[in-house]
Each structure stands twice: as structure tokens, then as C-alpha cells.
Amino acid sequence: MIDIKQLTDKDIGRWVKYTGSAGEEAFGRIKSWGDIFIFVVYKCNNEWDRFKNFTPSPTNPKCLEFTER
């Protein structure tokens, strides 16, 4: 779980791993966050250096953990 209150601008672009309730997994990069969700880019045609140009998905922080990719 990632604590939204602990995020700083340095966390933008960090790799995260999503794990859903059925065990599904996805990797992405943090684009932004709000009070409830972390907005993560999961798909960007493997153009990860341009991830900020892609639409993020609002994700429950309880389903995320930081990872190295």
C-alpha cells in the first residue's frame, strides 16, 4: 500500500505495481494523485520516457506498491 499523504513531487514517474483482488498485476508509473486516488499510466505503447503524455487510470493506493522496473 502507498500512503498518498507521504507522496512528494519526487514520486512522479516512480514505478508501481498494481495487484487486484483477483491477483491480476500491472506495472505503471505515477503521473499524479489526489485525496483518494493515485493516477497511474499503465499503457503507453512502451514509450515510458513520454508517460506524462498518456492518460492515467485512477487507482486505489491500497492496491499499489513501489517497485523497480
C-alpha atoms as a PDB file:
ATOM      1  CA  MET A   1       0.000   0.000   0.000  1.00  0.00           C
ATOM      2  CA  ILE A   2       1.184   3.501  -0.818  1.00  0.00           C
ATOM      3  CA  ASP A   3       0.292   6.321   1.561  1.00  0.00           C
ATOM      4  CA  ILE A   4      -0.896   9.284  -0.544  1.00  0.00           C
ATOM      5  CA  LYS A   5      -0.057  11.673   2.281  1.00  0.00           C
ATOM      6  CA  GLN A   6       3.605  10.667   2.024  1.00  0.00           C
ATOM      7  CA  LEU A   7       3.937  11.311  -1.740  1.00  0.00           C
ATOM      8  CA  THR A   8       6.059  14.205  -2.971  1.00  0.00           C
ATOM      9  CA  ASP A   9       6.935  15.595  -6.389  1.00  0.00           C
ATOM     10  CA  LYS A  10       9.921  13.206  -6.370  1.00  0.00           C
ATOM     11  CA  ASP A  11       7.455  10.304  -6.644  1.00  0.00           C
ATOM     12  CA  ILE A  12       6.142  11.425 -10.039  1.00  0.00           C
ATOM     13  CA  GLY A  13       7.408   8.872 -12.539  1.00  0.00           C
ATOM     14  CA  ARG A  14       8.152   6.178  -9.976  1.00  0.00           C
ATOM     15  CA  TRP A  15       7.302   2.632 -10.982  1.00  0.00           C
ATOM     16  CA  VAL A  16       4.439   0.945  -9.184  1.00  0.00           C
ATOM     17  CA  LYS A  17       2.922  -2.500  -9.240  1.00  0.00           C
ATOM     18  CA  TYR A  18      -0.852  -2.893  -9.123  1.00  0.00           C
ATOM     19  CA  THR A  19      -2.283  -6.076  -7.619  1.00  0.00           C
ATOM     20  CA  GLY A  20      -6.041  -6.542  -7.942  1.00  0.00           C
ATOM     21  CA  SER A  21      -8.372  -8.553  -5.748  1.00  0.00           C
ATOM     22  CA  ALA A  22      -8.241 -11.494  -8.169  1.00  0.00           C
ATOM     23  CA  GLY A  23      -4.433 -11.442  -8.174  1.00  0.00           C
ATOM     24  CA  GLU A  24      -4.051  -9.664 -11.503  1.00  0.00           C
ATOM     25  CA  GLU A  25      -0.949  -7.495 -11.826  1.00  0.00           C
ATOM     26  CA  ALA A  26       0.042  -4.462 -13.868  1.00  0.00           C
ATOM     27  CA  PHE A  27       3.037  -2.163 -13.852  1.00  0.00           C
ATOM     28  CA  GLY A  28       2.944   1.561 -14.425  1.00  0.00           C
ATOM     29  CA  ARG A  29       4.311   4.954 -13.461  1.00  0.00           C
ATOM     30  CA  ILE A  30       2.784   7.561 -11.182  1.00  0.00           C
ATOM     31  CA  LYS A  31       1.582  10.658 -13.013  1.00  0.00           C
ATOM     32  CA  SER A  32      -0.234  12.441 -10.168  1.00  0.00           C
ATOM     33  CA  TRP A  33      -2.519  11.936  -7.177  1.00  0.00           C
ATOM     34  CA  GLY A  34      -5.431  13.466  -5.355  1.00  0.00           C
ATOM     35  CA  ASP A  35      -7.061  12.923  -1.988  1.00  0.00           C
ATOM     36  CA  ILE A  36      -8.368   9.445  -2.818  1.00  0.00           C
ATOM     37  CA  PHE A  37      -6.644   8.019  -5.910  1.00  0.00           C
ATOM     38  CA  ILE A  38      -3.173   7.769  -7.373  1.00  0.00           C
ATOM     39  CA  PHE A  39      -3.222   8.348 -11.125  1.00  0.00           C
ATOM     40  CA  VAL A  40      -1.048   5.772 -12.852  1.00  0.00           C
ATOM     41  CA  VAL A  41      -0.110   5.370 -16.509  1.00  0.00           C
ATOM     42  CA  TYR A  42      -0.179   1.644 -17.270  1.00  0.00           C
ATOM     43  CA  LYS A  43      -0.106   1.659 -21.055  1.00  0.00           C
ATOM     44  CA  CYS A  44       1.845   3.975 -23.278  1.00  0.00           C
ATOM     45  CA  ASN A  45       2.978   1.859 -26.237  1.00  0.00           C
ATOM     46  CA  ASN A  46       6.264   1.240 -24.387  1.00  0.00           C
ATOM     47  CA  GLU A  47       7.091   4.938 -24.685  1.00  0.00           C
ATOM     48  CA  TRP A  48       7.828   5.190 -20.977  1.00  0.00           C
ATOM     49  CA  ASP A  49      10.016   8.261 -21.421  1.00  0.00           C
ATOM     50  CA  ARG A  50       6.803  10.023 -22.584  1.00  0.00           C
ATOM     51  CA  PHE A  51       4.435   8.578 -19.958  1.00  0.00           C
ATOM     52  CA  LYS A  52       3.261  12.086 -18.951  1.00  0.00           C
ATOM     53  CA  ASN A  53       1.618  12.431 -22.388  1.00  0.00           C
ATOM     54  CA  PHE A  54      -0.700   9.466 -21.762  1.00  0.00           C
ATOM     55  CA  THR A  55      -3.982   9.198 -19.868  1.00  0.00           C
ATOM     56  CA  PRO A  56      -3.634   7.774 -16.368  1.00  0.00           C
ATOM     57  CA  SER A  57      -6.028   5.473 -14.543  1.00  0.00           C
ATOM     58  CA  PRO A  58      -7.258   6.380 -11.062  1.00  0.00           C
ATOM     59  CA  THR A  59      -6.025   3.612  -8.785  1.00  0.00           C
ATOM     60  CA  ASN A  60      -6.744   2.767  -5.173  1.00  0.00           C
ATOM     61  CA  PRO A  61      -3.455   3.227  -3.274  1.00  0.00           C
ATOM     62  CA  LYS A  62      -4.212   0.067  -1.271  1.00  0.00           C
ATOM     63  CA  CYS A  63      -3.609  -1.905  -4.493  1.00  0.00           C
ATOM     64  CA  LEU A  64      -0.235  -0.299  -5.243  1.00  0.00           C
ATOM     65  CA  GLU A  65       3.333  -0.803  -4.121  1.00  0.00           C
ATOM     66  CA  PHE A  66       6.560   0.785  -5.297  1.00  0.00           C
ATOM     67  CA  THR A  67       8.717  -1.433  -7.467  1.00  0.00           C
ATOM     68  CA  GLU A  68      11.867  -1.336  -9.555  1.00  0.00           C
ATOM     69  CA  ARG A  69      11.291  -1.960 -13.203  1.00  0.00           C
END
